[in-house]
Amino acid sequence: MMLKIKRVPTVVSNYQKEDGEEGSRRGGGCGRNCLQNCCLQDARLPLYAFKKVNSIVSEKEGVGVSEDDKGETTVAFLDSLLLGEWEERMQRGLFRYDVTACETKVIPGQYGFIAQLNEGRHLKKRPTEFRVDKVLQPFDGNKFNFTKVGQEEVLFQFGASEEGEAQFFPDAPVDPENSPTMVAINVSPIEYGHVLLIPRVLDCLPQRIDCDSLMLAIYMAAEAGNPYFRLGYNSLGAFATINHLHFQAYYLAVPFPIEKAPTKEIGTLNGGMKISELVNYPVRGLVFEGGNTLLDLSRGVSDACICLQENNIPYNVLIADCGNRIFLLPQCYAEKQALGEVSSELLDTQVNPAVWEISGHMVLKRKKDYEEASEENAWRLLAEVSLSEERFQEVSALIFEAISYSSHVDGTDSEKLLEDVNVKHQPVEEVNAITERSHPAMVTGILH
């Protein structure tokens, strides 16, 4: 039996319409100037070629700026390019509403949760049936995917430089044989500069993280060089609305509450990557940071993500500190909704706690909720997202078991890491038993 809850997804593209509804006629091919083969012949789009680097630059070493020969500081080019292209699309009227007009405030309290009144994200949506009981689902080309967006929604292609230095080509050919990564606007933005990073868009990859795709997201965070620019990822079952691999990103000029939350160090891997656990935060999660190279960080986090995916555990990821710190947050809110365990008071807010909400940026759709926003209310919502302490430790056991078997962790470090989190190496049948207990069967429910 296919288990679903009725969901109302946010529209991310102006071409995300009802099946059979004809798109706007804009030239050749299918008439929509899309990213499919019908419209890509002779297509040309800007290309930002990033410099592939191995080292991680910390904020203390000058994140967000570079120095020329005269010692003057300059803003990273990707940062200015993205914002300039995004503002140009705003002037062209491609967004569904003006996000800069949305009311925003920092909620008084210890954590400084941010509340935004964004009634525009609640309008003109279409109902759909969406599975929440399977984190991994095959790509379905009949459903909306990012090959159907208009080329005018694409800001630029994003790929590795062949010259060893960052380069920008304002009018580069699109090579369908070498599936390009695209950066496109989200037409229902949460904040200024809200974009989508779509790895290898023409390969039609389902929403699942691997090391290569995570590396692209980390490269983008590092290349932007702005600590106020973060990337987020939602798995299926954790409020991803489109089963086509993508990350989201935007600018928020204050720290996310999760970035300020205390942590408890668990251990350090042989690549220098430190793993910690969030402490005194409403959502339990792990924090990965540092490492000798970007690849070390990407491998460690992607191993953890793959483990969650393969064990059917929904999760969210926040990439912060210019790619130097990554939060991994298994969650169960949709599961609780389907089981009827979420109060009607919380459901009535119609807030779907995905990566941004979990990180402390509460996107509220009703004026009443915005006016009554408090740290207590934010905490109560996010506490429903979190795994229980017992279940979180079971899921952590699965993650560290997976990491311990990875080829880039030596036996000593992995054994110490497992001991530090009170996890012992277990036979495969015991690990499978944990998996079954940590994700009970889903039932059908309604999300209003």
Protein backbone atom coordinates (compact mmCIF):
# COMPACT_ATOMS: atom_id res chain seq x y z
CA MET A 1 0.00 0.00 0.00
CA MET A 2 1.32 3.44 -0.90
CA LEU A 3 1.23 5.64 2.16
CA LYS A 4 0.81 9.39 1.70
CA ILE A 5 -0.34 12.51 3.43
CA LYS A 6 -1.98 15.29 1.48
CA ARG A 7 0.51 18.10 1.09
CA VAL A 8 0.49 21.52 -0.52
CA PRO A 9 3.95 22.18 -1.95
CA THR A 10 5.48 25.59 -2.40
CA VAL A 11 5.83 26.65 -6.01
CA VAL A 12 9.53 27.09 -6.85
CA SER A 13 9.22 27.76 -10.59
CA ASN A 14 6.79 29.71 -12.75
CA TYR A 15 6.47 26.54 -14.83
CA GLN A 16 5.31 24.39 -11.92
CA LYS A 17 1.68 24.15 -13.02
CA GLU A 18 -1.14 21.68 -13.25
CA ASP A 19 -0.54 18.75 -15.58
CA GLY A 20 -1.71 19.59 -19.07
CA GLU A 21 -1.61 23.35 -18.53
CA GLU A 22 0.27 24.93 -21.39
CA GLY A 23 3.30 27.03 -20.56
CA SER A 24 4.01 30.47 -21.95
CA ARG A 25 5.19 30.49 -25.56
CA ARG A 26 8.71 31.86 -25.67
CA GLY A 27 10.52 30.69 -28.77
CA GLY A 28 11.40 27.31 -30.25
CA GLY A 29 11.23 23.77 -28.97
CA CYS A 30 8.25 23.17 -26.71
CA GLY A 31 7.70 26.92 -26.61
CA ARG A 32 8.69 27.23 -22.94
CA ASN A 33 12.43 27.82 -23.39
CA CYS A 34 13.04 25.05 -20.87
CA LEU A 35 16.11 22.97 -19.95
CA GLN A 36 15.09 19.88 -21.88
CA ASN A 37 16.56 18.74 -25.18
CA CYS A 38 13.74 20.37 -27.13
CA CYS A 39 14.97 23.84 -26.16
CA LEU A 40 18.67 23.35 -25.40
CA GLN A 41 19.96 23.26 -28.95
CA ASP A 42 22.32 26.22 -29.32
CA ALA A 43 21.31 27.47 -25.83
CA ARG A 44 23.78 29.77 -24.10
CA LEU A 45 23.80 30.73 -20.42
CA PRO A 46 26.34 32.40 -18.12
CA LEU A 47 28.91 30.04 -16.56
CA TYR A 48 30.69 30.49 -13.25
CA ALA A 49 33.70 28.16 -13.13
CA PHE A 50 34.82 27.75 -9.53
CA LYS A 51 38.32 27.01 -8.38
CA LYS A 52 38.60 23.51 -6.98
CA VAL A 53 40.34 23.88 -3.64
CA ASN A 54 41.15 21.32 -0.99
CA SER A 55 41.67 23.46 2.07
CA ILE A 56 38.90 24.92 4.18
CA VAL A 57 39.18 28.63 4.95
CA SER A 58 37.83 29.59 8.34
CA GLU A 59 36.10 32.85 9.15
CA LYS A 60 39.09 33.93 11.20
CA GLU A 61 41.25 33.65 8.09
CA GLY A 62 39.09 36.08 6.14
CA VAL A 63 35.90 34.47 4.94
CA GLY A 64 33.99 36.50 2.40
CA VAL A 65 36.87 38.69 1.30
CA SER A 66 40.05 38.42 -0.66
CA GLU A 67 43.04 40.71 -0.89
CA ASP A 68 44.52 42.05 -4.08
CA ASP A 69 48.15 42.95 -4.58
CA LYS A 70 47.63 46.28 -2.82
CA GLY A 71 46.15 44.68 0.25
CA GLU A 72 42.64 46.04 -0.41
CA THR A 73 39.69 43.85 0.42
CA THR A 74 37.15 42.88 -2.25
CA VAL A 75 33.88 40.99 -2.08
CA ALA A 76 34.00 37.46 -3.54
CA PHE A 77 32.90 37.59 -7.19
CA LEU A 78 30.37 34.74 -6.89
CA ASP A 79 28.67 36.65 -4.09
CA SER A 80 28.19 39.80 -6.17
CA LEU A 81 27.31 37.83 -9.30
CA LEU A 82 24.56 35.85 -7.62
CA LEU A 83 23.01 38.92 -6.02
CA GLY A 84 23.23 40.98 -9.18
CA GLU A 85 21.58 38.29 -11.30
CA TRP A 86 18.92 37.66 -8.63
CA GLU A 87 18.02 41.35 -8.42
CA GLU A 88 17.79 41.51 -12.23
CA ARG A 89 15.20 38.70 -12.14
CA MET A 90 13.32 40.59 -9.45
CA GLN A 91 13.19 43.69 -11.66
CA ARG A 92 11.85 41.53 -14.48
CA GLY A 93 8.97 40.43 -12.27
CA LEU A 94 9.80 36.71 -12.22
CA PHE A 95 9.02 36.27 -8.51
CA ARG A 96 5.53 35.57 -7.22
CA TYR A 97 5.79 38.27 -4.54
CA ASP A 98 8.25 40.82 -3.15
CA VAL A 99 10.05 39.05 -0.32
CA THR A 100 11.78 42.30 0.68
CA ALA A 101 8.37 43.60 1.76
CA CYS A 102 7.80 40.71 4.19
CA GLU A 103 7.84 41.67 7.87
CA THR A 104 10.69 40.10 9.84
CA LYS A 105 11.69 40.31 13.49
CA VAL A 106 14.02 38.65 15.96
CA ILE A 107 11.97 37.02 18.72
CA PRO A 108 13.09 38.10 22.21
CA GLY A 109 14.75 35.33 24.18
CA GLN A 110 17.94 33.39 24.65
CA TYR A 111 18.10 31.89 21.16
CA GLY A 112 17.00 34.78 18.97
CA PHE A 113 14.63 32.85 16.71
CA ILE A 114 13.76 34.84 13.59
CA ALA A 115 10.11 35.20 12.60
CA GLN A 116 9.02 36.19 9.11
CA LEU A 117 5.47 36.86 7.98
CA ASN A 118 5.34 35.46 4.45
CA GLU A 119 1.71 35.20 3.40
CA GLY A 120 2.79 34.96 -0.24
CA ARG A 121 4.06 31.39 0.23
CA HIS A 122 0.53 30.37 1.26
CA LEU A 123 -1.19 31.63 -1.90
CA LYS A 124 -1.81 30.06 -5.32
CA LYS A 125 -0.62 26.60 -4.36
CA ARG A 126 -1.94 23.38 -5.80
CA PRO A 127 -2.74 20.24 -3.79
CA THR A 128 -0.81 17.10 -4.57
CA GLU A 129 -0.30 13.62 -3.24
CA PHE A 130 3.18 13.17 -1.87
CA ARG A 131 4.75 10.14 -0.23
CA VAL A 132 6.42 10.77 3.12
CA ASP A 133 7.17 7.18 4.13
CA LYS A 134 10.05 6.67 1.69
CA VAL A 135 13.17 8.82 1.73
CA LEU A 136 14.42 7.28 -1.52
CA GLN A 137 12.01 7.28 -4.44
CA PRO A 138 12.75 6.90 -8.16
CA PHE A 139 12.79 10.01 -10.33
CA ASP A 140 9.52 10.49 -12.19
CA GLY A 141 9.86 12.60 -15.34
CA ASN A 142 6.08 12.99 -15.57
CA LYS A 143 6.06 15.10 -12.42
CA PHE A 144 7.45 18.60 -12.18
CA ASN A 145 11.24 18.63 -12.20
CA PHE A 146 13.92 21.21 -12.85
CA THR A 147 14.36 20.37 -16.51
CA LYS A 148 10.99 22.11 -16.95
CA VAL A 149 12.04 25.51 -15.56
CA GLY A 150 12.43 28.38 -17.97
CA GLN A 151 15.96 29.39 -18.96
CA GLU A 152 15.18 32.93 -17.80
CA GLU A 153 14.92 31.51 -14.25
CA VAL A 154 18.51 30.22 -14.43
CA LEU A 155 21.12 32.65 -13.10
CA PHE A 156 24.18 30.75 -14.32
CA GLN A 157 25.80 27.38 -14.80
CA PHE A 158 28.14 26.30 -12.00
CA GLY A 159 31.10 24.03 -12.68
CA ALA A 160 34.75 23.41 -11.92
CA SER A 161 37.33 25.55 -13.69
CA GLU A 162 39.72 23.83 -16.05
CA GLU A 163 42.31 26.57 -15.55
CA GLY A 164 42.79 26.20 -11.80
CA GLU A 165 41.34 29.66 -11.15
CA ALA A 166 37.78 30.95 -10.83
CA GLN A 167 36.43 32.24 -14.14
CA PHE A 168 33.20 33.77 -15.41
CA PHE A 169 31.83 33.43 -18.94
CA PRO A 170 28.76 35.63 -19.52
CA ASP A 171 27.64 33.72 -22.63
CA ALA A 172 28.67 30.07 -22.50
CA PRO A 173 27.15 27.17 -24.45
CA VAL A 174 25.09 24.60 -22.57
CA ASP A 175 26.52 21.12 -23.12
CA PRO A 176 23.73 18.52 -22.79
CA GLU A 177 26.30 15.71 -23.10
CA ASN A 178 28.05 16.93 -19.94
CA SER A 179 25.00 17.55 -17.75
CA PRO A 180 25.57 21.03 -16.26
CA THR A 181 24.89 22.13 -12.71
CA MET A 182 22.51 25.09 -12.63
CA VAL A 183 21.80 27.88 -10.15
CA ALA A 184 18.21 29.09 -10.53
CA ILE A 185 15.90 31.40 -8.65
CA ASN A 186 13.23 30.12 -6.29
CA VAL A 187 10.18 32.10 -7.44
CA SER A 188 8.67 31.76 -3.95
CA PRO A 189 11.64 33.12 -2.00
CA ILE A 190 12.01 32.91 1.75
CA GLU A 191 14.73 35.56 1.87
CA TYR A 192 16.91 37.81 -0.23
CA GLY A 193 18.94 35.94 -2.83
CA HIS A 194 16.99 32.68 -2.45
CA VAL A 195 18.26 30.27 -5.12
CA LEU A 196 18.34 26.59 -6.00
CA LEU A 197 21.54 24.65 -6.71
CA ILE A 198 20.63 21.81 -9.07
CA PRO A 199 23.53 19.36 -9.59
CA ARG A 200 23.82 17.81 -13.07
CA VAL A 201 20.27 18.86 -13.89
CA LEU A 202 19.95 16.83 -17.10
CA ASP A 203 20.88 13.57 -15.35
CA CYS A 204 17.50 13.79 -13.56
CA LEU A 205 18.86 12.57 -10.24
CA PRO A 206 16.31 11.90 -7.48
CA GLN A 207 16.51 13.80 -4.19
CA ARG A 208 19.36 11.94 -2.51
CA ILE A 209 22.78 13.12 -1.35
CA ASP A 210 26.07 11.55 -2.38
CA CYS A 211 29.64 12.79 -1.93
CA ASP A 212 29.85 14.50 -5.33
CA SER A 213 26.61 16.46 -4.97
CA LEU A 214 27.47 17.52 -1.43
CA MET A 215 30.90 18.66 -2.63
CA LEU A 216 29.20 20.98 -5.14
CA ALA A 217 27.16 22.56 -2.35
CA ILE A 218 30.23 22.96 -0.14
CA TYR A 219 32.16 24.50 -3.04
CA MET A 220 29.37 27.00 -3.58
CA ALA A 221 29.37 27.98 0.11
CA ALA A 222 33.16 28.32 0.13
CA GLU A 223 33.27 30.21 -3.16
CA ALA A 224 30.58 32.70 -2.11
CA GLY A 225 32.76 33.43 0.91
CA ASN A 226 29.93 35.06 2.84
CA PRO A 227 29.05 33.75 6.33
CA TYR A 228 25.50 35.04 5.86
CA PHE A 229 24.99 32.79 2.83
CA ARG A 230 23.91 29.28 3.80
CA LEU A 231 22.79 26.24 1.85
CA GLY A 232 20.11 23.83 3.00
CA TYR A 233 18.87 20.41 1.97
CA ASN A 234 15.58 18.63 2.71
CA SER A 235 15.20 14.92 2.09
CA LEU A 236 11.93 13.37 1.01
CA GLY A 237 9.87 12.89 4.15
CA ALA A 238 11.53 16.00 5.62
CA PHE A 239 9.61 18.52 3.48
CA ALA A 240 11.39 18.33 0.16
CA THR A 241 8.57 19.03 -2.30
CA ILE A 242 10.31 18.01 -5.55
CA ASN A 243 12.01 14.68 -6.14
CA HIS A 244 14.82 16.11 -8.29
CA LEU A 245 18.18 16.62 -6.60
CA HIS A 246 18.59 20.20 -5.36
CA PHE A 247 19.88 22.35 -2.54
CA GLN A 248 18.45 25.70 -1.49
CA ALA A 249 20.40 28.78 -0.44
CA TYR A 250 19.80 32.35 0.64
CA TYR A 251 21.21 35.28 2.60
CA LEU A 252 20.20 36.11 6.16
CA ALA A 253 22.23 38.86 7.80
CA VAL A 254 21.97 37.49 11.35
CA PRO A 255 23.17 34.21 12.85
CA PHE A 256 20.76 31.31 12.73
CA PRO A 257 19.86 30.20 16.28
CA ILE A 258 21.19 26.72 15.54
CA GLU A 259 24.59 28.25 14.74
CA LYS A 260 24.70 29.74 18.24
CA ALA A 261 23.52 26.60 20.03
CA PRO A 262 26.02 24.91 22.38
CA THR A 263 27.54 21.63 21.25
CA LYS A 264 29.25 18.68 22.89
CA GLU A 265 32.22 17.22 21.03
CA ILE A 266 31.93 13.51 20.34
CA GLY A 267 35.16 12.79 18.53
CA THR A 268 37.57 13.65 15.73
CA LEU A 269 38.15 11.53 12.64
CA ASN A 270 41.57 10.86 11.19
CA GLY A 271 40.95 13.47 8.48
CA GLY A 272 40.71 16.11 11.18
CA MET A 273 36.92 16.46 10.99
CA LYS A 274 35.27 17.05 14.36
CA ILE A 275 31.82 15.67 15.17
CA SER A 276 29.68 17.21 17.89
CA GLU A 277 26.14 16.88 19.19
CA LEU A 278 23.77 19.81 19.63
CA VAL A 279 23.01 20.59 23.27
CA ASN A 280 20.02 22.53 24.68
CA TYR A 281 18.42 23.01 21.29
CA PRO A 282 14.86 21.87 20.51
CA VAL A 283 15.96 19.60 17.63
CA ARG A 284 18.59 16.96 18.26
CA GLY A 285 21.31 16.79 15.66
CA LEU A 286 24.98 16.33 14.78
CA VAL A 287 27.51 18.96 13.74
CA PHE A 288 30.42 18.18 11.40
CA GLU A 289 33.19 20.75 11.02
CA GLY A 290 36.74 21.22 9.92
CA GLY A 291 38.75 18.47 8.36
CA ASN A 292 42.03 18.71 6.50
CA THR A 293 40.27 19.07 3.15
CA LEU A 294 36.84 19.82 1.76
CA LEU A 295 36.76 16.24 0.52
CA ASP A 296 37.26 14.91 4.06
CA LEU A 297 34.28 16.94 5.24
CA SER A 298 32.12 15.95 2.28
CA ARG A 299 32.95 12.27 2.68
CA GLY A 300 32.14 12.21 6.36
CA VAL A 301 28.83 14.03 6.04
CA SER A 302 27.75 12.22 2.88
CA ASP A 303 28.47 8.85 4.53
CA ALA A 304 26.11 9.90 7.33
CA CYS A 305 23.45 11.11 4.86
CA ILE A 306 23.67 7.91 2.82
CA CYS A 307 23.22 5.91 6.01
CA LEU A 308 20.04 7.81 6.86
CA GLN A 309 18.73 7.48 3.30
CA GLU A 310 19.35 3.74 3.18
CA ASN A 311 17.66 3.31 6.56
CA ASN A 312 14.65 5.38 5.46
CA ILE A 313 15.16 8.14 8.04
CA PRO A 314 14.14 11.66 6.87
CA TYR A 315 16.68 14.41 7.51
CA ASN A 316 17.70 18.01 6.85
CA VAL A 317 21.15 19.51 6.29
CA LEU A 318 22.40 23.07 6.88
CA ILE A 319 25.74 24.14 5.37
CA ALA A 320 27.10 27.14 7.30
CA ASP A 321 30.33 29.06 7.94
CA CYS A 322 31.26 29.18 4.26
CA GLY A 323 31.15 25.40 4.04
CA ASN A 324 33.21 24.82 7.16
CA ARG A 325 30.36 23.59 9.41
CA ILE A 326 27.50 21.26 8.48
CA PHE A 327 24.47 20.40 10.63
CA LEU A 328 22.77 17.03 10.12
CA LEU A 329 19.26 16.83 11.55
CA PRO A 330 17.20 13.62 11.39
CA GLN A 331 13.52 14.46 11.93
CA CYS A 332 10.09 12.89 12.31
CA TYR A 333 7.47 15.68 12.00
CA ALA A 334 5.76 14.27 8.90
CA GLU A 335 5.73 10.86 10.56
CA LYS A 336 4.00 12.32 13.61
CA GLN A 337 1.51 14.11 11.36
CA ALA A 338 0.62 10.87 9.63
CA LEU A 339 0.21 9.15 12.98
CA GLY A 340 -2.05 11.95 14.26
CA GLU A 341 0.40 12.89 17.01
CA VAL A 342 0.72 16.62 16.21
CA SER A 343 -1.72 18.97 17.91
CA SER A 344 -4.31 20.77 15.82
CA GLU A 345 -2.90 24.06 17.15
CA LEU A 346 0.45 23.37 15.47
CA LEU A 347 -1.12 21.98 12.31
CA ASP A 348 -3.26 25.10 11.97
CA THR A 349 -0.12 27.24 11.60
CA GLN A 350 0.54 25.33 8.34
CA VAL A 351 4.26 25.63 9.02
CA ASN A 352 6.21 22.77 7.49
CA PRO A 353 9.42 22.61 9.56
CA ALA A 354 12.11 22.04 6.95
CA VAL A 355 15.79 23.02 7.17
CA TRP A 356 15.25 26.78 7.54
CA GLU A 357 12.63 26.48 10.27
CA ILE A 358 14.68 23.89 12.12
CA SER A 359 17.67 26.24 11.94
CA GLY A 360 15.58 28.93 13.65
CA HIS A 361 14.15 31.00 10.77
CA MET A 362 10.42 30.60 11.30
CA VAL A 363 8.49 31.33 8.10
CA LEU A 364 4.95 32.06 9.29
CA LYS A 365 1.97 32.21 6.95
CA ARG A 366 -0.63 33.83 9.24
CA LYS A 367 -0.46 37.30 10.72
CA LYS A 368 -1.85 35.98 14.00
CA ASP A 369 1.09 33.58 14.40
CA TYR A 370 3.57 36.35 13.55
CA GLU A 371 2.10 38.77 16.09
CA GLU A 372 2.07 36.08 18.79
CA ALA A 373 5.50 34.69 17.93
CA SER A 374 7.53 33.81 21.01
CA GLU A 375 10.51 31.67 21.87
CA GLU A 376 8.16 29.31 23.68
CA ASN A 377 5.98 28.85 20.59
CA ALA A 378 9.02 28.31 18.34
CA TRP A 379 10.47 25.80 20.78
CA ARG A 380 7.17 23.91 21.02
CA LEU A 381 6.94 23.51 17.23
CA LEU A 382 10.55 22.43 16.79
CA ALA A 383 10.39 19.99 19.69
CA GLU A 384 7.80 18.07 17.66
CA VAL A 385 10.33 17.79 14.83
CA SER A 386 13.04 16.20 16.94
CA LEU A 387 13.65 12.54 17.48
CA SER A 388 13.32 11.41 21.08
CA GLU A 389 16.58 11.02 22.99
CA GLU A 390 16.37 7.23 22.76
CA ARG A 391 15.61 7.22 19.05
CA PHE A 392 18.29 9.83 18.34
CA GLN A 393 20.90 7.64 20.02
CA GLU A 394 19.73 4.66 17.96
CA VAL A 395 20.01 6.70 14.75
CA SER A 396 23.41 8.03 15.84
CA ALA A 397 24.52 4.44 16.33
CA LEU A 398 23.61 3.69 12.72
CA ILE A 399 25.51 6.75 11.51
CA PHE A 400 28.68 6.01 13.42
CA GLU A 401 28.54 2.37 12.43
CA ALA A 402 28.46 3.50 8.80
CA ILE A 403 31.29 5.97 9.31
CA SER A 404 33.39 3.37 11.10
CA TYR A 405 33.28 1.11 8.06
CA SER A 406 34.24 3.89 5.66
CA SER A 407 37.67 3.54 4.08
CA HIS A 408 38.78 7.03 5.12
CA VAL A 409 38.43 6.38 8.87
CA ASP A 410 41.12 4.27 10.50
CA GLY A 411 40.23 1.61 13.05
CA THR A 412 41.53 3.48 16.08
CA ASP A 413 39.59 6.66 15.44
CA SER A 414 36.37 4.91 14.53
CA GLU A 415 36.53 2.69 17.62
CA LYS A 416 37.14 5.71 19.84
CA LEU A 417 34.28 7.58 18.17
CA LEU A 418 31.89 4.71 18.78
CA GLU A 419 32.97 4.47 22.42
CA ASP A 420 32.50 8.21 22.92
CA VAL A 421 28.83 7.99 21.95
CA ASN A 422 28.28 4.83 23.99
CA VAL A 423 27.87 2.70 20.89
CA LYS A 424 29.52 -0.68 20.47
CA HIS A 425 30.13 -2.49 17.23
CA GLN A 426 27.09 -4.68 16.66
CA PRO A 427 26.33 -7.62 14.38
CA VAL A 428 24.46 -6.75 11.20
CA GLU A 429 21.21 -8.31 12.48
CA GLU A 430 21.28 -6.04 15.57
CA VAL A 431 21.83 -2.94 13.42
CA ASN A 432 18.89 -3.98 11.25
CA ALA A 433 16.75 -4.35 14.35
CA ILE A 434 17.61 -0.78 15.37
CA THR A 435 16.59 0.40 11.91
CA GLU A 436 13.17 -1.22 12.22
CA ARG A 437 12.58 0.29 15.66
CA SER A 438 13.80 3.75 14.67
CA HIS A 439 11.29 4.18 11.82
CA PRO A 440 7.86 2.70 12.59
CA ALA A 441 5.34 2.07 9.85
CA MET A 442 3.61 5.15 8.49
CA VAL A 443 -0.14 5.59 8.31
CA THR A 444 -2.32 7.83 6.18
CA GLY A 445 -3.16 11.26 7.56
CA ILE A 446 -4.16 14.72 6.40
CA LEU A 447 -2.01 17.82 6.53
CA HIS A 448 -4.23 20.89 6.23
